[in-house]
PDB file of N, CA and C in Angstrom:
ATOM      1  N   MET A   1     128.623 103.637  92.420  1.00  0.00           N
ATOM      2  CA  MET A   1     127.471 104.453  92.744  1.00  0.00           C
ATOM      3  C   MET A   1     126.226 103.827  92.122  1.00  0.00           C
ATOM      4  N   VAL A   2     125.144 103.802  92.879  1.00  0.00           N
ATOM      5  CA  VAL A   2     123.886 103.233  92.433  1.00  0.00           C
ATOM      6  C   VAL A   2     122.815 104.324  92.503  1.00  0.00           C
ATOM      7  N   LEU A   3     122.105 104.490  91.393  1.00  0.00           N
ATOM      8  CA  LEU A   3     120.966 105.401  91.355  1.00  0.00           C
ATOM      9  C   LEU A   3     119.704 104.550  91.343  1.00  0.00           C
ATOM     10  N   SER A   4     118.860 104.740  92.345  1.00  0.00           N
ATOM     11  CA  SER A   4     117.623 103.973  92.456  1.00  0.00           C
ATOM     12  C   SER A   4     116.459 104.906  92.174  1.00  0.00           C
ATOM     13  N   LEU A   5     115.597 104.473  91.267  1.00  0.00           N
ATOM     14  CA  LEU A   5     114.432 105.263  90.895  1.00  0.00           C
ATOM     15  C   LEU A   5     113.177 104.460  91.170  1.00  0.00           C
ATOM     16  N   MET A   6     112.159 105.135  91.651  1.00  0.00           N
ATOM     17  CA  MET A   6     110.901 104.461  91.908  1.00  0.00           C
ATOM     18  C   MET A   6     109.760 105.367  91.457  1.00  0.00           C
ATOM     19  N   GLN A   7     108.783 104.750  90.815  1.00  0.00           N
ATOM     20  CA  GLN A   7     107.560 105.440  90.444  1.00  0.00           C
ATOM     21  C   GLN A   7     106.428 104.824  91.243  1.00  0.00           C
ATOM     22  N   VAL A   8     105.658 105.662  91.924  1.00  0.00           N
ATOM     23  CA  VAL A   8     104.598 105.202  92.815  1.00  0.00           C
ATOM     24  C   VAL A   8     103.274 105.827  92.378  1.00  0.00           C
ATOM     25  N   GLU A   9     102.311 104.974  92.090  1.00  0.00           N
ATOM     26  CA  GLU A   9     100.981 105.447  91.718  1.00  0.00           C
ATOM     27  C   GLU A   9     100.052 105.300  92.917  1.00  0.00           C
ATOM     28  N   LEU A  10      99.364 106.398  93.247  1.00  0.00           N
ATOM     29  CA  LEU A  10      98.505 106.441  94.419  1.00  0.00           C
ATOM     30  C   LEU A  10      97.091 106.832  94.043  1.00  0.00           C
ATOM     31  N   ARG A  11      96.181 106.457  94.909  1.00  0.00           N
ATOM     32  CA  ARG A  11      94.795 106.876  94.777  1.00  0.00           C
ATOM     33  C   ARG A  11      94.389 107.498  96.111  1.00  0.00           C
ATOM     34  N   ILE A  12      93.672 108.620  96.036  1.00  0.00           N
ATOM     35  CA  ILE A  12      93.184 109.315  97.229  1.00  0.00           C
ATOM     36  C   ILE A  12      91.661 109.312  97.147  1.00  0.00           C
ATOM     37  N   PRO A  13      91.006 108.235  97.575  1.00  0.00           N
ATOM     38  CA  PRO A  13      89.578 108.044  97.303  1.00  0.00           C
ATOM     39  C   PRO A  13      88.648 109.056  97.972  1.00  0.00           C
ATOM     40  N   GLU A  14      88.982 109.570  99.128  1.00  0.00           N
ATOM     41  CA  GLU A  14      88.092 110.488  99.849  1.00  0.00           C
ATOM     42  C   GLU A  14      88.279 111.939  99.415  1.00  0.00           C
ATOM     43  N   ASN A  15      89.218 112.203  98.526  1.00  0.00           N
ATOM     44  CA  ASN A  15      89.537 113.565  98.128  1.00  0.00           C
ATOM     45  C   ASN A  15      88.499 114.113  97.154  1.00  0.00           C
ATOM     46  N   ARG A  16      88.170 115.396  97.286  1.00  0.00           N
ATOM     47  CA  ARG A  16      87.176 116.023  96.418  1.00  0.00           C
ATOM     48  C   ARG A  16      87.663 117.314  95.762  1.00  0.00           C
ATOM     49  N   SER A  17      88.944 117.663  95.910  1.00  0.00           N
ATOM     50  CA  SER A  17      89.443 118.887  95.286  1.00  0.00           C
ATOM     51  C   SER A  17      90.951 118.801  95.087  1.00  0.00           C
ATOM     52  N   LEU A  18      91.454 119.638  94.203  1.00  0.00           N
ATOM     53  CA  LEU A  18      92.903 119.698  93.995  1.00  0.00           C
ATOM     54  C   LEU A  18      93.606 120.262  95.229  1.00  0.00           C
ATOM     55  N   LYS A  19      92.943 121.178  95.921  1.00  0.00           N
ATOM     56  CA  LYS A  19      93.517 121.734  97.147  1.00  0.00           C
ATOM     57  C   LYS A  19      93.694 120.640  98.202  1.00  0.00           C
ATOM     58  N   GLY A  20      92.682 119.801  98.364  1.00  0.00           N
ATOM     59  CA  GLY A  20      92.785 118.691  99.303  1.00  0.00           C
ATOM     60  C   GLY A  20      93.885 117.719  98.908  1.00  0.00           C
ATOM     61  N   LYS A  21      94.004 117.465  97.603  1.00  0.00           N
ATOM     62  CA  LYS A  21      95.056 116.577  97.099  1.00  0.00           C
ATOM     63  C   LYS A  21      96.429 117.154  97.426  1.00  0.00           C
ATOM     64  N   ARG A  22      96.611 118.440  97.182  1.00  0.00           N
ATOM     65  CA  ARG A  22      97.907 119.077  97.455  1.00  0.00           C
ATOM     66  C   ARG A  22      98.272 118.981  98.928  1.00  0.00           C
ATOM     67  N   MET A  23      97.283 119.153  99.813  1.00  0.00           N
ATOM     68  CA  MET A  23      97.555 119.070 101.246  1.00  0.00           C
ATOM     69  C   MET A  23      98.029 117.670 101.642  1.00  0.00           C
ATOM     70  N   VAL A  24      97.350 116.646 101.133  1.00  0.00           N
ATOM     71  CA  VAL A  24      97.724 115.260 101.441  1.00  0.00           C
ATOM     72  C   VAL A  24      99.111 114.949 100.888  1.00  0.00           C
ATOM     73  N   LEU A  25      99.348 115.298  99.624  1.00  0.00           N
ATOM     74  CA  LEU A  25     100.631 114.976  99.000  1.00  0.00           C
ATOM     75  C   LEU A  25     101.785 115.741  99.631  1.00  0.00           C
ATOM     76  N   ARG A  26     101.566 116.988  99.996  1.00  0.00           N
ATOM     77  CA  ARG A  26     102.633 117.774 100.626  1.00  0.00           C
ATOM     78  C   ARG A  26     103.051 117.127 101.952  1.00  0.00           C
ATOM     79  N   SER A  27     102.069 116.679 102.705  1.00  0.00           N
ATOM     80  CA  SER A  27     102.366 116.019 103.973  1.00  0.00           C
ATOM     81  C   SER A  27     103.183 114.746 103.756  1.00  0.00           C
ATOM     82  N   ILE A  28     102.759 113.944 102.793  1.00  0.00           N
ATOM     83  CA  ILE A  28     103.477 112.699 102.506  1.00  0.00           C
ATOM     84  C   ILE A  28     104.894 112.997 102.024  1.00  0.00           C
ATOM     85  N   LYS A  29     105.018 113.919 101.071  1.00  0.00           N
ATOM     86  CA  LYS A  29     106.351 114.241 100.523  1.00  0.00           C
ATOM     87  C   LYS A  29     107.290 114.734 101.611  1.00  0.00           C
ATOM     88  N   ASP A  30     106.831 115.638 102.455  1.00  0.00           N
ATOM     89  CA  ASP A  30     107.686 116.174 103.514  1.00  0.00           C
ATOM     90  C   ASP A  30     108.131 115.094 104.490  1.00  0.00           C
ATOM     91  N   ARG A  31     107.204 114.242 104.866  1.00  0.00           N
ATOM     92  CA  ARG A  31     107.550 113.190 105.830  1.00  0.00           C
ATOM     93  C   ARG A  31     108.491 112.154 105.221  1.00  0.00           C
ATOM     94  N   VAL A  32     108.275 111.766 103.957  1.00  0.00           N
ATOM     95  CA  VAL A  32     109.165 110.808 103.288  1.00  0.00           C
ATOM     96  C   VAL A  32     110.559 111.416 103.129  1.00  0.00           C
ATOM     97  N   ARG A  33     110.617 112.659 102.670  1.00  0.00           N
ATOM     98  CA  ARG A  33     111.900 113.333 102.454  1.00  0.00           C
ATOM     99  C   ARG A  33     112.695 113.427 103.757  1.00  0.00           C
ATOM    100  N   ASN A  34     112.033 113.793 104.843  1.00  0.00           N
ATOM    101  CA  ASN A  34     112.727 113.950 106.122  1.00  0.00           C
ATOM    102  C   ASN A  34     113.142 112.620 106.739  1.00  0.00           C
ATOM    103  N   LYS A  35     112.325 111.613 106.587  1.00  0.00           N
ATOM    104  CA  LYS A  35     112.620 110.323 107.226  1.00  0.00           C
ATOM    105  C   LYS A  35     113.675 109.511 106.474  1.00  0.00           C
ATOM    106  N   PHE A  36     113.673 109.563 105.117  1.00  0.00           N
ATOM    107  CA  PHE A  36     114.527 108.678 104.335  1.00  0.00           C
ATOM    108  C   PHE A  36     115.616 109.391 103.524  1.00  0.00           C
ATOM    109  N   ASN A  37     115.626 110.710 103.522  1.00  0.00           N
ATOM    110  CA  ASN A  37     116.625 111.475 102.782  1.00  0.00           C
ATOM    111  C   ASN A  37     116.642 111.086 101.292  1.00  0.00           C
ATOM    112  N   VAL A  38     115.471 111.061 100.684  1.00  0.00           N
ATOM    113  CA  VAL A  38     115.325 110.768  99.260  1.00  0.00           C
ATOM    114  C   VAL A  38     114.754 112.005  98.570  1.00  0.00           C
ATOM    115  N   SER A  39     114.862 112.033  97.264  1.00  0.00           N
ATOM    116  CA  SER A  39     114.213 113.074  96.473  1.00  0.00           C
ATOM    117  C   SER A  39     112.848 112.543  96.050  1.00  0.00           C
ATOM    118  N   ILE A  40     111.819 113.358  96.222  1.00  0.00           N
ATOM    119  CA  ILE A  40     110.464 112.928  95.893  1.00  0.00           C
ATOM    120  C   ILE A  40     109.701 114.096  95.284  1.00  0.00           C
ATOM    121  N   SER A  41     108.953 113.791  94.232  1.00  0.00           N
ATOM    122  CA  SER A  41     108.189 114.816  93.548  1.00  0.00           C
ATOM    123  C   SER A  41     106.972 114.190  92.869  1.00  0.00           C
ATOM    124  N   GLU A  42     105.911 114.973  92.734  1.00  0.00           N
ATOM    125  CA  GLU A  42     104.759 114.521  91.966  1.00  0.00           C
ATOM    126  C   GLU A  42     105.116 114.664  90.489  1.00  0.00           C
ATOM    127  N   ILE A  43     105.009 113.580  89.730  1.00  0.00           N
ATOM    128  CA  ILE A  43     105.480 113.605  88.347  1.00  0.00           C
ATOM    129  C   ILE A  43     104.385 113.410  87.310  1.00  0.00           C
ATOM    130  N   ASP A  44     103.162 113.069  87.733  1.00  0.00           N
ATOM    131  CA  ASP A  44     102.089 112.836  86.766  1.00  0.00           C
ATOM    132  C   ASP A  44     100.737 112.991  87.463  1.00  0.00           C
ATOM    133  N   ASN A  45      99.685 113.054  86.679  1.00  0.00           N
ATOM    134  CA  ASN A  45      98.309 113.171  87.183  1.00  0.00           C
ATOM    135  C   ASN A  45      98.094 114.440  88.000  1.00  0.00           C
ATOM    136  N   HIS A  46      98.693 115.535  87.579  1.00  0.00           N
ATOM    137  CA  HIS A  46      98.607 116.791  88.321  1.00  0.00           C
ATOM    138  C   HIS A  46      97.177 117.327  88.425  1.00  0.00           C
ATOM    139  N   ASP A  47      96.365 117.119  87.417  1.00  0.00           N
ATOM    140  CA  ASP A  47      95.027 117.711  87.387  1.00  0.00           C
ATOM    141  C   ASP A  47      93.913 116.749  87.801  1.00  0.00           C
ATOM    142  N   LEU A  48      94.269 115.571  88.274  1.00  0.00           N
ATOM    143  CA  LEU A  48      93.263 114.602  88.713  1.00  0.00           C
ATOM    144  C   LEU A  48      93.146 114.645  90.234  1.00  0.00           C
ATOM    145  N   TRP A  49      91.933 114.744  90.732  1.00  0.00           N
ATOM    146  CA  TRP A  49      91.715 114.874  92.172  1.00  0.00           C
ATOM    147  C   TRP A  49      92.073 113.636  92.960  1.00  0.00           C
ATOM    148  N   GLU A  50      91.771 112.474  92.393  1.00  0.00           N
ATOM    149  CA  GLU A  50      91.907 111.243  93.175  1.00  0.00           C
ATOM    150  C   GLU A  50      93.147 110.420  92.844  1.00  0.00           C
ATOM    151  N   ASN A  51      93.961 110.853  91.898  1.00  0.00           N
ATOM    152  CA  ASN A  51      95.142 110.083  91.508  1.00  0.00           C
ATOM    153  C   ASN A  51      96.392 110.940  91.607  1.00  0.00           C
ATOM    154  N   ALA A  52      97.492 110.282  91.926  1.00  0.00           N
ATOM    155  CA  ALA A  52      98.783 110.967  92.000  1.00  0.00           C
ATOM    156  C   ALA A  52      99.878 109.977  91.650  1.00  0.00           C
ATOM    157  N   THR A  53     100.953 110.496  91.101  1.00  0.00           N
ATOM    158  CA  THR A  53     102.125 109.677  90.801  1.00  0.00           C
ATOM    159  C   THR A  53     103.359 110.389  91.342  1.00  0.00           C
ATOM    160  N   PHE A  54     104.101 109.701  92.180  1.00  0.00           N
ATOM    161  CA  PHE A  54     105.351 110.213  92.728  1.00  0.00           C
ATOM    162  C   PHE A  54     106.531 109.604  91.986  1.00  0.00           C
ATOM    163  N   GLY A  55     107.571 110.392  91.812  1.00  0.00           N
ATOM    164  CA  GLY A  55     108.873 109.902  91.400  1.00  0.00           C
ATOM    165  C   GLY A  55     109.795 110.047  92.597  1.00  0.00           C
ATOM    166  N   ILE A  56     110.519 108.988  92.918  1.00  0.00           N
ATOM    167  CA  ILE A  56     111.399 108.991  94.088  1.00  0.00           C
ATOM    168  C   ILE A  56     112.776 108.511  93.644  1.00  0.00           C
ATOM    169  N   ALA A  57     113.818 109.232  94.078  1.00  0.00           N
ATOM    170  CA  ALA A  57     115.190 108.863  93.711  1.00  0.00           C
ATOM    171  C   ALA A  57     116.047 108.781  94.962  1.00  0.00           C
ATOM    172  N   PHE A  58     116.957 107.802  94.941  1.00  0.00           N
ATOM    173  CA  PHE A  58     117.902 107.619  96.031  1.00  0.00           C
ATOM    174  C   PHE A  58     119.252 107.244  95.434  1.00  0.00           C
ATOM    175  N   VAL A  59     120.315 107.894  95.884  1.00  0.00           N
ATOM    176  CA  VAL A  59     121.668 107.596  95.410  1.00  0.00           C
ATOM    177  C   VAL A  59     122.444 106.989  96.566  1.00  0.00           C
ATOM    178  N   GLY A  60     123.088 105.861  96.291  1.00  0.00           N
ATOM    179  CA  GLY A  60     123.871 105.190  97.315  1.00  0.00           C
ATOM    180  C   GLY A  60     125.045 104.444  96.707  1.00  0.00           C
ATOM    181  N   THR A  61     125.752 103.735  97.554  1.00  0.00           N
ATOM    182  CA  THR A  61     126.923 102.989  97.096  1.00  0.00           C
ATOM    183  C   THR A  61     126.648 101.501  96.952  1.00  0.00           C
ATOM    184  N   ASP A  62     125.550 101.032  97.531  1.00  0.00           N
ATOM    185  CA  ASP A  62     125.260  99.609  97.545  1.00  0.00           C
ATOM    186  C   ASP A  62     123.843  99.370  97.017  1.00  0.00           C
ATOM    187  N   GLN A  63     123.690  98.471  96.063  1.00  0.00           N
ATOM    188  CA  GLN A  63     122.402  98.215  95.437  1.00  0.00           C
ATOM    189  C   GLN A  63     121.406  97.611  96.429  1.00  0.00           C
ATOM    190  N   GLN A  64     121.843  96.695  97.263  1.00  0.00           N
ATOM    191  CA  GLN A  64     120.940  96.080  98.234  1.00  0.00           C
ATOM    192  C   GLN A  64     120.415  97.103  99.237  1.00  0.00           C
ATOM    193  N   TYR A  65     121.296  97.988  99.690  1.00  0.00           N
ATOM    194  CA  TYR A  65     120.880  99.023 100.641  1.00  0.00           C
ATOM    195  C   TYR A  65     119.885  99.984  99.987  1.00  0.00           C
ATOM    196  N   ALA A  66     120.144 100.355  98.746  1.00  0.00           N
ATOM    197  CA  ALA A  66     119.241 101.261  98.030  1.00  0.00           C
ATOM    198  C   ALA A  66     117.866 100.624  97.866  1.00  0.00           C
ATOM    199  N   HIS A  67     117.830  99.345  97.520  1.00  0.00           N
ATOM    200  CA  HIS A  67     116.552  98.646  97.372  1.00  0.00           C
ATOM    201  C   HIS A  67     115.827  98.574  98.711  1.00  0.00           C
ATOM    202  N   LYS A  68     116.566  98.349  99.794  1.00  0.00           N
ATOM    203  CA  LYS A  68     115.994  98.297 101.134  1.00  0.00           C
ATOM    204  C   LYS A  68     115.358  99.639 101.499  1.00  0.00           C
ATOM    205  N   ILE A  69     116.039 100.732 101.203  1.00  0.00           N
ATOM    206  CA  ILE A  69     115.508 102.061 101.503  1.00  0.00           C
ATOM    207  C   ILE A  69     114.204 102.297 100.747  1.00  0.00           C
ATOM    208  N   LEU A  70     114.176 101.974  99.446  1.00  0.00           N
ATOM    209  CA  LEU A  70     112.966 102.198  98.663  1.00  0.00           C
ATOM    210  C   LEU A  70     111.819 101.295  99.118  1.00  0.00           C
ATOM    211  N   THR A  71     112.131 100.097  99.565  1.00  0.00           N
ATOM    212  CA  THR A  71     111.108  99.214 100.117  1.00  0.00           C
ATOM    213  C   THR A  71     110.535  99.805 101.405  1.00  0.00           C
ATOM    214  N   GLU A  72     111.389 100.379 102.231  1.00  0.00           N
ATOM    215  CA  GLU A  72     110.917 101.027 103.451  1.00  0.00           C
ATOM    216  C   GLU A  72     110.064 102.247 103.135  1.00  0.00           C
ATOM    217  N   VAL A  73     110.422 102.980 102.074  1.00  0.00           N
ATOM    218  CA  VAL A  73     109.615 104.124 101.651  1.00  0.00           C
ATOM    219  C   VAL A  73     108.217 103.663 101.262  1.00  0.00           C
ATOM    220  N   ILE A  74     108.131 102.584 100.488  1.00  0.00           N
ATOM    221  CA  ILE A  74     106.821 102.047 100.080  1.00  0.00           C
ATOM    222  C   ILE A  74     105.998 101.650 101.304  1.00  0.00           C
ATOM    223  N   ASN A  75     106.616 100.960 102.242  1.00  0.00           N
ATOM    224  CA  ASN A  75     105.901 100.556 103.460  1.00  0.00           C
ATOM    225  C   ASN A  75     105.413 101.775 104.246  1.00  0.00           C
ATOM    226  N   PHE A  76     106.232 102.809 104.295  1.00  0.00           N
ATOM    227  CA  PHE A  76     105.862 104.040 104.992  1.00  0.00           C
ATOM    228  C   PHE A  76     104.695 104.732 104.293  1.00  0.00           C
ATOM    229  N   ILE A  77     104.754 104.828 102.969  1.00  0.00           N
ATOM    230  CA  ILE A  77     103.673 105.463 102.216  1.00  0.00           C
ATOM    231  C   ILE A  77     102.366 104.693 102.409  1.00  0.00           C
ATOM    232  N   GLN A  78     102.437 103.375 102.449  1.00  0.00           N
ATOM    233  CA  GLN A  78     101.230 102.560 102.652  1.00  0.00           C
ATOM    234  C   GLN A  78     100.601 102.774 104.019  1.00  0.00           C
ATOM    235  N   SER A  79     101.354 103.302 104.966  1.00  0.00           N
ATOM    236  CA  SER A  79     100.828 103.499 106.313  1.00  0.00           C
ATOM    237  C   SER A  79      99.893 104.709 106.417  1.00  0.00           C
ATOM    238  N   PHE A  80      99.840 105.546 105.391  1.00  0.00           N
ATOM    239  CA  PHE A  80      98.951 106.708 105.411  1.00  0.00           C
ATOM    240  C   PHE A  80      97.522 106.233 105.129  1.00  0.00           C
ATOM    241  N   PRO A  81      96.592 106.474 106.047  1.00  0.00           N
ATOM    242  CA  PRO A  81      95.235 105.938 105.885  1.00  0.00           C
ATOM    243  C   PRO A  81      94.416 106.600 104.777  1.00  0.00           C
ATOM    244  N   GLN A  82      94.770 107.807 104.385  1.00  0.00           N
ATOM    245  CA  GLN A  82      93.966 108.510 103.391  1.00  0.00           C
ATOM    246  C   GLN A  82      94.319 108.164 101.945  1.00  0.00           C
ATOM    247  N   ILE A  83      95.322 107.308 101.733  1.00  0.00           N
ATOM    248  CA  ILE A  83      95.710 106.941 100.369  1.00  0.00           C
ATOM    249  C   ILE A  83      95.698 105.435 100.176  1.00  0.00           C
ATOM    250  N   GLN A  84      95.646 105.036  98.904  1.00  0.00           N
ATOM    251  CA  GLN A  84      95.773 103.633  98.522  1.00  0.00           C
ATOM    252  C   GLN A  84      96.917 103.527  97.524  1.00  0.00           C
ATOM    253  N   LEU A  85      97.792 102.567  97.731  1.00  0.00           N
ATOM    254  CA  LEU A  85      98.866 102.306  96.780  1.00  0.00           C
ATOM    255  C   LEU A  85      98.293 101.496  95.624  1.00  0.00           C
ATOM    256  N   VAL A  86      98.427 102.030  94.413  1.00  0.00           N
ATOM    257  CA  VAL A  86      97.921 101.345  93.229  1.00  0.00           C
ATOM    258  C   VAL A  86      98.999 100.461  92.636  1.00  0.00           C
ATOM    259  N   ASP A  87     100.193 101.029  92.461  1.00  0.00           N
ATOM    260  CA  ASP A  87     101.288 100.289  91.821  1.00  0.00           C
ATOM    261  C   ASP A  87     102.591 101.025  92.073  1.00  0.00           C
ATOM    262  N   TYR A  88     103.702 100.298  91.964  1.00  0.00           N
ATOM    263  CA  TYR A  88     105.002 100.950  92.020  1.00  0.00           C
ATOM    264  C   TYR A  88     106.011 100.124  91.242  1.00  0.00           C
ATOM    265  N   THR A  89     107.045 100.801  90.738  1.00  0.00           N
ATOM    266  CA  THR A  89     108.147 100.134  90.046  1.00  0.00           C
ATOM    267  C   THR A  89     109.455 100.692  90.593  1.00  0.00           C
ATOM    268  N   ILE A  90     110.435  99.816  90.701  1.00  0.00           N
ATOM    269  CA  ILE A  90     111.767 100.197  91.155  1.00  0.00           C
ATOM    270  C   ILE A  90     112.752  99.861  90.044  1.00  0.00           C
ATOM    271  N   GLU A  91     113.651 100.818  89.780  1.00  0.00           N
ATOM    272  CA  GLU A  91     114.675 100.625  88.748  1.00  0.00           C
ATOM    273  C   GLU A  91     116.033 101.028  89.336  1.00  0.00           C
ATOM    274  N   MET A  92     117.025 100.197  89.129  1.00  0.00           N
ATOM    275  CA  MET A  92     118.378 100.473  89.595  1.00  0.00           C
ATOM    276  C   MET A  92     119.275 100.775  88.392  1.00  0.00           C
ATOM    277  N   LEU A  93     119.996 101.861  88.474  1.00  0.00           N
ATOM    278  CA  LEU A  93     120.924 102.237  87.399  1.00  0.00           C
ATOM    279  C   LEU A  93     122.345 102.250  87.911  1.00  0.00           C
TER     280      LEU A  93
END
């Protein structure tokens, strides 16, 4: 069994309120969760309007497949025009 963890730091440059941030992040989280069957949650920067940090977890049987899934998640998140990917890290356990 392989546990894959990813931390994703995002910037939402056009955002001007926490309500707007929540709307953008909820949309991203729902779409990522439904498309890739991963666990995703906002884990840091809760009170900052323009920054967000996601924690994403995926459990699988093969390390290469798990890494492939998380890479696809990153590519999918980058496709959202209202956000900018700042940084991400992937860890396999």
